[in-house]
Amino acid sequence: MFDDMDSAAFDKDQGGRAQKMFAAVVLAALDDAIADDKKYGNGAEVIARWARSRDGREVLMCAGIEPTERAVKGMIEFVRRGVRTSVALSREESERKAQAQAQAEAVSKAA
């Protein structure tokens, strides 16, 4: 009985690890597109072409991301912002954004 439960838990854990690996591939593709955008100015087109390709859609699905046009537009906007994924996912960046937003709200209330 416990062997079946252990097997199911192991399979689920394997699936989670595979999904994280594909998510890392998506993040790497975003970083590559950001680098292309800074160097050549075509990063948004590169990520859009990749995300709409058969391989790109498959990787997005394996990463747990629906490969819809909305997702593609979100990736394009992320590339246009030019913030590397490691920075965007860091705590410092989210704290900086929250602080900037709080300052903007304070200025708008004062005016």
C-alpha atoms as a PDB file:
ATOM      1  CA  MET A   1       0.000   0.000   0.000  1.00  0.00           C
ATOM      2  CA  PHE A   2       2.716   2.468   0.957  1.00  0.00           C
ATOM      3  CA  ASP A   3       4.695   1.609  -2.161  1.00  0.00           C
ATOM      4  CA  ASP A   4       1.866   2.904  -4.344  1.00  0.00           C
ATOM      5  CA  MET A   5       1.715   6.146  -2.371  1.00  0.00           C
ATOM      6  CA  ASP A   6       5.488   6.572  -2.547  1.00  0.00           C
ATOM      7  CA  SER A   7       5.392   5.960  -6.287  1.00  0.00           C
ATOM      8  CA  ALA A   8       2.655   8.538  -6.807  1.00  0.00           C
ATOM      9  CA  ALA A   9       4.495  11.090  -4.668  1.00  0.00           C
ATOM     10  CA  PHE A  10       7.719  10.453  -6.563  1.00  0.00           C
ATOM     11  CA  ASP A  11       5.969  10.861  -9.914  1.00  0.00           C
ATOM     12  CA  LYS A  12       4.384  14.139  -8.804  1.00  0.00           C
ATOM     13  CA  ASP A  13       7.731  15.385  -7.546  1.00  0.00           C
ATOM     14  CA  GLN A  14       9.359  14.468 -10.866  1.00  0.00           C
ATOM     15  CA  GLY A  15       6.667  16.422 -12.708  1.00  0.00           C
ATOM     16  CA  GLY A  16       7.259  19.462 -10.543  1.00  0.00           C
ATOM     17  CA  ARG A  17      10.979  19.342 -11.192  1.00  0.00           C
ATOM     18  CA  ALA A  18      10.404  19.025 -14.932  1.00  0.00           C
ATOM     19  CA  GLN A  19       8.039  22.014 -14.876  1.00  0.00           C
ATOM     20  CA  LYS A  20      10.647  24.091 -13.027  1.00  0.00           C
ATOM     21  CA  MET A  21      13.261  23.108 -15.594  1.00  0.00           C
ATOM     22  CA  PHE A  22      11.041  24.294 -18.447  1.00  0.00           C
ATOM     23  CA  ALA A  23      10.304  27.506 -16.535  1.00  0.00           C
ATOM     24  CA  ALA A  24      14.072  28.064 -16.358  1.00  0.00           C
ATOM     25  CA  VAL A  25      14.223  27.658 -20.143  1.00  0.00           C
ATOM     26  CA  VAL A  26      11.547  30.356 -20.522  1.00  0.00           C
ATOM     27  CA  LEU A  27      13.514  32.679 -18.234  1.00  0.00           C
ATOM     28  CA  ALA A  28      16.668  32.029 -20.256  1.00  0.00           C
ATOM     29  CA  ALA A  29      14.795  32.829 -23.467  1.00  0.00           C
ATOM     30  CA  LEU A  30      13.621  36.104 -21.926  1.00  0.00           C
ATOM     31  CA  ASP A  31      17.177  36.974 -20.854  1.00  0.00           C
ATOM     32  CA  ASP A  32      18.467  36.206 -24.356  1.00  0.00           C
ATOM     33  CA  ALA A  33      15.780  38.411 -25.877  1.00  0.00           C
ATOM     34  CA  ILE A  34      16.651  41.239 -23.467  1.00  0.00           C
ATOM     35  CA  ALA A  35      20.311  40.925 -24.451  1.00  0.00           C
ATOM     36  CA  ASP A  36      19.331  40.998 -28.137  1.00  0.00           C
ATOM     37  CA  ASP A  37      17.156  44.035 -27.489  1.00  0.00           C
ATOM     38  CA  LYS A  38      20.029  45.920 -25.889  1.00  0.00           C
ATOM     39  CA  LYS A  39      22.515  44.900 -28.565  1.00  0.00           C
ATOM     40  CA  TYR A  40      20.473  44.820 -31.771  1.00  0.00           C
ATOM     41  CA  GLY A  41      17.130  46.375 -30.820  1.00  0.00           C
ATOM     42  CA  ASN A  42      15.060  43.377 -31.931  1.00  0.00           C
ATOM     43  CA  GLY A  43      14.488  41.502 -28.659  1.00  0.00           C
ATOM     44  CA  ALA A  44      10.713  41.955 -28.659  1.00  0.00           C
ATOM     45  CA  GLU A  45      10.433  40.445 -32.141  1.00  0.00           C
ATOM     46  CA  VAL A  46      12.759  37.586 -31.184  1.00  0.00           C
ATOM     47  CA  ILE A  47      10.750  36.579 -28.102  1.00  0.00           C
ATOM     48  CA  ALA A  48       7.450  36.949 -29.971  1.00  0.00           C
ATOM     49  CA  ARG A  49       8.665  34.748 -32.811  1.00  0.00           C
ATOM     50  CA  TRP A  50       9.969  32.145 -30.340  1.00  0.00           C
ATOM     51  CA  ALA A  51       6.813  32.140 -28.192  1.00  0.00           C
ATOM     52  CA  ARG A  52       4.592  31.719 -31.245  1.00  0.00           C
ATOM     53  CA  SER A  53       6.713  28.927 -32.723  1.00  0.00           C
ATOM     54  CA  ARG A  54       5.840  25.280 -32.207  1.00  0.00           C
ATOM     55  CA  ASP A  55       8.845  24.712 -29.939  1.00  0.00           C
ATOM     56  CA  GLY A  56       8.146  27.857 -27.957  1.00  0.00           C
ATOM     57  CA  ARG A  57       4.514  26.918 -27.399  1.00  0.00           C
ATOM     58  CA  GLU A  58       5.568  23.444 -26.279  1.00  0.00           C
ATOM     59  CA  VAL A  59       8.114  24.832 -23.802  1.00  0.00           C
ATOM     60  CA  LEU A  60       5.584  27.319 -22.450  1.00  0.00           C
ATOM     61  CA  MET A  61       3.001  24.564 -21.949  1.00  0.00           C
ATOM     62  CA  CYS A  62       5.563  22.338 -20.202  1.00  0.00           C
ATOM     63  CA  ALA A  63       6.445  25.290 -17.942  1.00  0.00           C
ATOM     64  CA  GLY A  64       2.777  25.625 -16.981  1.00  0.00           C
ATOM     65  CA  ILE A  65       2.181  28.790 -19.033  1.00  0.00           C
ATOM     66  CA  GLU A  66      -0.752  28.927 -21.449  1.00  0.00           C
ATOM     67  CA  PRO A  67       0.727  29.933 -24.815  1.00  0.00           C
ATOM     68  CA  THR A  68      -1.939  32.525 -25.524  1.00  0.00           C
ATOM     69  CA  GLU A  69      -1.488  35.845 -27.279  1.00  0.00           C
ATOM     70  CA  ARG A  70      -1.887  37.547 -23.905  1.00  0.00           C
ATOM     71  CA  ALA A  71       1.113  35.618 -22.564  1.00  0.00           C
ATOM     72  CA  VAL A  72       3.141  36.527 -25.662  1.00  0.00           C
ATOM     73  CA  LYS A  73       2.272  40.211 -25.226  1.00  0.00           C
ATOM     74  CA  GLY A  74       3.323  40.004 -21.571  1.00  0.00           C
ATOM     75  CA  MET A  75       6.666  38.509 -22.570  1.00  0.00           C
ATOM     76  CA  ILE A  76       7.154  41.238 -25.190  1.00  0.00           C
ATOM     77  CA  GLU A  77       6.413  43.928 -22.597  1.00  0.00           C
ATOM     78  CA  PHE A  78       8.847  42.294 -20.163  1.00  0.00           C
ATOM     79  CA  VAL A  79      11.587  42.355 -22.793  1.00  0.00           C
ATOM     80  CA  ARG A  80      10.859  45.984 -23.641  1.00  0.00           C
ATOM     81  CA  ARG A  81      11.308  46.961 -19.987  1.00  0.00           C
ATOM     82  CA  GLY A  82      14.838  45.568 -20.223  1.00  0.00           C
ATOM     83  CA  VAL A  83      15.111  44.261 -16.662  1.00  0.00           C
ATOM     84  CA  ARG A  84      16.922  40.927 -16.485  1.00  0.00           C
ATOM     85  CA  THR A  85      14.891  38.076 -15.001  1.00  0.00           C
ATOM     86  CA  SER A  86      17.300  37.563 -12.107  1.00  0.00           C
ATOM     87  CA  VAL A  87      16.884  41.216 -11.120  1.00  0.00           C
ATOM     88  CA  ALA A  88      13.123  41.224 -11.649  1.00  0.00           C
ATOM     89  CA  LEU A  89      12.719  38.172  -9.435  1.00  0.00           C
ATOM     90  CA  SER A  90      14.931  39.475  -6.653  1.00  0.00           C
ATOM     91  CA  ARG A  91      13.576  40.872  -3.434  1.00  0.00           C
ATOM     92  CA  GLU A  92      15.459  44.144  -3.838  1.00  0.00           C
ATOM     93  CA  GLU A  93      13.737  44.951  -7.115  1.00  0.00           C
ATOM     94  CA  SER A  94      10.273  44.317  -5.694  1.00  0.00           C
ATOM     95  CA  GLU A  95      11.093  46.413  -2.629  1.00  0.00           C
ATOM     96  CA  ARG A  96      12.415  49.227  -4.844  1.00  0.00           C
ATOM     97  CA  LYS A  97       9.236  49.164  -6.934  1.00  0.00           C
ATOM     98  CA  ALA A  98       7.044  49.217  -3.842  1.00  0.00           C
ATOM     99  CA  GLN A  99       8.998  52.148  -2.429  1.00  0.00           C
ATOM    100  CA  ALA A 100       8.801  54.055  -5.721  1.00  0.00           C
ATOM    101  CA  GLN A 101       5.064  53.419  -5.913  1.00  0.00           C
ATOM    102  CA  ALA A 102       4.583  54.615  -2.328  1.00  0.00           C
ATOM    103  CA  GLN A 103       6.538  57.790  -3.092  1.00  0.00           C
ATOM    104  CA  ALA A 104       4.478  58.394  -6.234  1.00  0.00           C
ATOM    105  CA  GLU A 105       1.254  57.987  -4.250  1.00  0.00           C
ATOM    106  CA  ALA A 106       2.522  60.376  -1.564  1.00  0.00           C
ATOM    107  CA  VAL A 107       3.372  62.990  -4.208  1.00  0.00           C
ATOM    108  CA  SER A 108      -0.024  62.632  -5.879  1.00  0.00           C
ATOM    109  CA  LYS A 109      -1.821  63.020  -2.527  1.00  0.00           C
ATOM    110  CA  ALA A 110       0.227  66.108  -1.674  1.00  0.00           C
ATOM    111  CA  ALA A 111      -0.592  67.774  -4.976  1.00  0.00           C
END
